[in-house]
C-alpha atoms as a PDB file:
ATOM      1  CA  MET A   1    -131.332 -74.050 163.214  1.00  0.00           C
ATOM      2  CA  SER A   2    -130.954 -75.611 159.310  1.00  0.00           C
ATOM      3  CA  LYS A   3    -130.438 -73.175 156.403  1.00  0.00           C
ATOM      4  CA  ASN A   4    -134.416 -74.135 154.931  1.00  0.00           C
ATOM      5  CA  LYS A   5    -135.994 -73.467 157.875  1.00  0.00           C
ATOM      6  CA  LEU A   6    -134.926 -69.539 157.988  1.00  0.00           C
ATOM      7  CA  PRO A   7    -137.030 -68.132 155.225  1.00  0.00           C
ATOM      8  CA  LYS A   8    -140.382 -70.042 156.992  1.00  0.00           C
ATOM      9  CA  ILE A   9    -139.615 -68.383 160.173  1.00  0.00           C
ATOM     10  CA  LEU A  10    -138.655 -65.023 158.627  1.00  0.00           C
ATOM     11  CA  VAL A  11    -141.479 -65.077 156.499  1.00  0.00           C
ATOM     12  CA  THR A  12    -144.295 -66.139 159.193  1.00  0.00           C
ATOM     13  CA  SER A  13    -142.348 -63.350 161.521  1.00  0.00           C
ATOM     14  CA  ILE A  14    -143.220 -60.730 158.651  1.00  0.00           C
ATOM     15  CA  THR A  15    -146.656 -61.765 158.321  1.00  0.00           C
ATOM     16  CA  ILE A  16    -147.821 -62.260 162.345  1.00  0.00           C
ATOM     17  CA  GLY A  17    -146.417 -58.859 162.640  1.00  0.00           C
ATOM     18  CA  PHE A  18    -148.113 -57.740 159.629  1.00  0.00           C
ATOM     19  CA  VAL A  19    -151.571 -59.247 160.854  1.00  0.00           C
ATOM     20  CA  LEU A  20    -150.809 -57.708 164.609  1.00  0.00           C
ATOM     21  CA  PHE A  21    -150.055 -53.984 162.663  1.00  0.00           C
ATOM     22  CA  ILE A  22    -153.563 -54.364 161.156  1.00  0.00           C
ATOM     23  CA  PHE A  23    -155.217 -55.512 164.452  1.00  0.00           C
ATOM     24  CA  TYR A  24    -153.710 -52.529 166.108  1.00  0.00           C
ATOM     25  CA  ASN A  25    -155.000 -49.967 163.436  1.00  0.00           C
ATOM     26  CA  SER A  26    -158.426 -51.520 163.773  1.00  0.00           C
ATOM     27  CA  MET A  27    -158.561 -51.175 167.624  1.00  0.00           C
ATOM     28  CA  PHE A  28    -158.426 -47.144 167.148  1.00  0.00           C
ATOM     29  CA  PRO A  29    -161.981 -45.234 167.329  1.00  0.00           C
ATOM     30  CA  GLY A  30    -163.532 -43.207 164.542  1.00  0.00           C
ATOM     31  CA  PRO A  31    -162.427 -39.757 165.730  1.00  0.00           C
ATOM     32  CA  GLU A  32    -158.725 -41.262 166.320  1.00  0.00           C
ATOM     33  CA  SER A  33    -158.834 -42.908 162.983  1.00  0.00           C
ATOM     34  CA  SER A  34    -160.340 -39.652 161.636  1.00  0.00           C
ATOM     35  CA  LYS A  35    -157.351 -37.662 162.744  1.00  0.00           C
ATOM     36  CA  GLN A  36    -154.578 -40.106 161.221  1.00  0.00           C
ATOM     37  CA  SER A  37    -156.811 -40.216 157.998  1.00  0.00           C
ATOM     38  CA  GLN A  38    -156.716 -36.209 158.325  1.00  0.00           C
ATOM     39  CA  PHE A  39    -152.424 -36.490 158.845  1.00  0.00           C
ATOM     40  CA  VAL A  40    -152.117 -38.337 156.144  1.00  0.00           C
ATOM     41  CA  LEU A  41    -154.227 -36.012 153.514  1.00  0.00           C
ATOM     42  CA  GLY A  42    -152.419 -33.301 154.922  1.00  0.00           C
ATOM     43  CA  ILE A  43    -149.325 -34.756 153.633  1.00  0.00           C
ATOM     44  CA  ILE A  44    -150.640 -35.632 150.303  1.00  0.00           C
ATOM     45  CA  ASP A  45    -151.743 -31.860 149.930  1.00  0.00           C
ATOM     46  CA  LYS A  46    -148.503 -30.897 150.871  1.00  0.00           C
ATOM     47  CA  LEU A  47    -146.850 -33.041 148.334  1.00  0.00           C
ATOM     48  CA  SER A  48    -149.390 -32.468 145.693  1.00  0.00           C
ATOM     49  CA  MET A  49    -148.571 -28.521 145.693  1.00  0.00           C
ATOM     50  CA  TYR A  50    -144.905 -29.122 145.870  1.00  0.00           C
ATOM     51  CA  THR A  51    -145.296 -31.079 142.746  1.00  0.00           C
ATOM     52  CA  GLY A  52    -147.357 -28.622 141.416  1.00  0.00           C
ATOM     53  CA  ILE A  53    -149.829 -31.780 140.100  1.00  0.00           C
ATOM     54  CA  ASN A  54    -153.516 -30.834 141.202  1.00  0.00           C
ATOM     55  CA  ILE A  55    -154.568 -33.823 143.124  1.00  0.00           C
ATOM     56  CA  SER A  56    -158.841 -34.018 144.675  1.00  0.00           C
ATOM     57  CA  ILE A  57    -158.662 -36.321 147.491  1.00  0.00           C
ATOM     58  CA  THR A  58    -161.459 -36.888 150.308  1.00  0.00           C
ATOM     59  CA  GLU A  59    -160.413 -38.307 153.640  1.00  0.00           C
ATOM     60  CA  HIS A  60    -162.804 -41.171 152.444  1.00  0.00           C
ATOM     61  CA  ILE A  61    -160.479 -42.120 149.796  1.00  0.00           C
ATOM     62  CA  VAL A  62    -157.647 -41.745 151.756  1.00  0.00           C
ATOM     63  CA  ARG A  63    -159.412 -44.313 154.520  1.00  0.00           C
ATOM     64  CA  LYS A  64    -159.974 -46.506 151.625  1.00  0.00           C
ATOM     65  CA  LEU A  65    -157.222 -46.768 150.384  1.00  0.00           C
ATOM     66  CA  GLY A  66    -155.370 -47.427 153.575  1.00  0.00           C
ATOM     67  CA  HIS A  67    -157.665 -50.662 153.955  1.00  0.00           C
ATOM     68  CA  PHE A  68    -156.573 -51.609 150.595  1.00  0.00           C
ATOM     69  CA  THR A  69    -152.886 -50.758 151.244  1.00  0.00           C
ATOM     70  CA  GLU A  70    -152.653 -52.909 154.180  1.00  0.00           C
ATOM     71  CA  TYR A  71    -155.131 -56.191 153.191  1.00  0.00           C
ATOM     72  CA  PHE A  72    -152.918 -55.817 149.517  1.00  0.00           C
ATOM     73  CA  ILE A  73    -149.469 -56.292 151.326  1.00  0.00           C
ATOM     74  CA  PHE A  74    -151.024 -58.705 153.673  1.00  0.00           C
END
């Protein structure tokens, strides 16, 4: 394998892996996805209490930020 092909293979592999990750996450039904969002919301609440920063965030915002973050990285 030549030195020039390695970066292309690496980037392609990471891209395919991330597409599979997005596809995997989209397969969860609503109630399961809601549980995941509640878990993340709990972490955000604990971090806000630990840092003393008062953050008012809803599950809807967590879900939208999750979608935005996945597709931004992609």
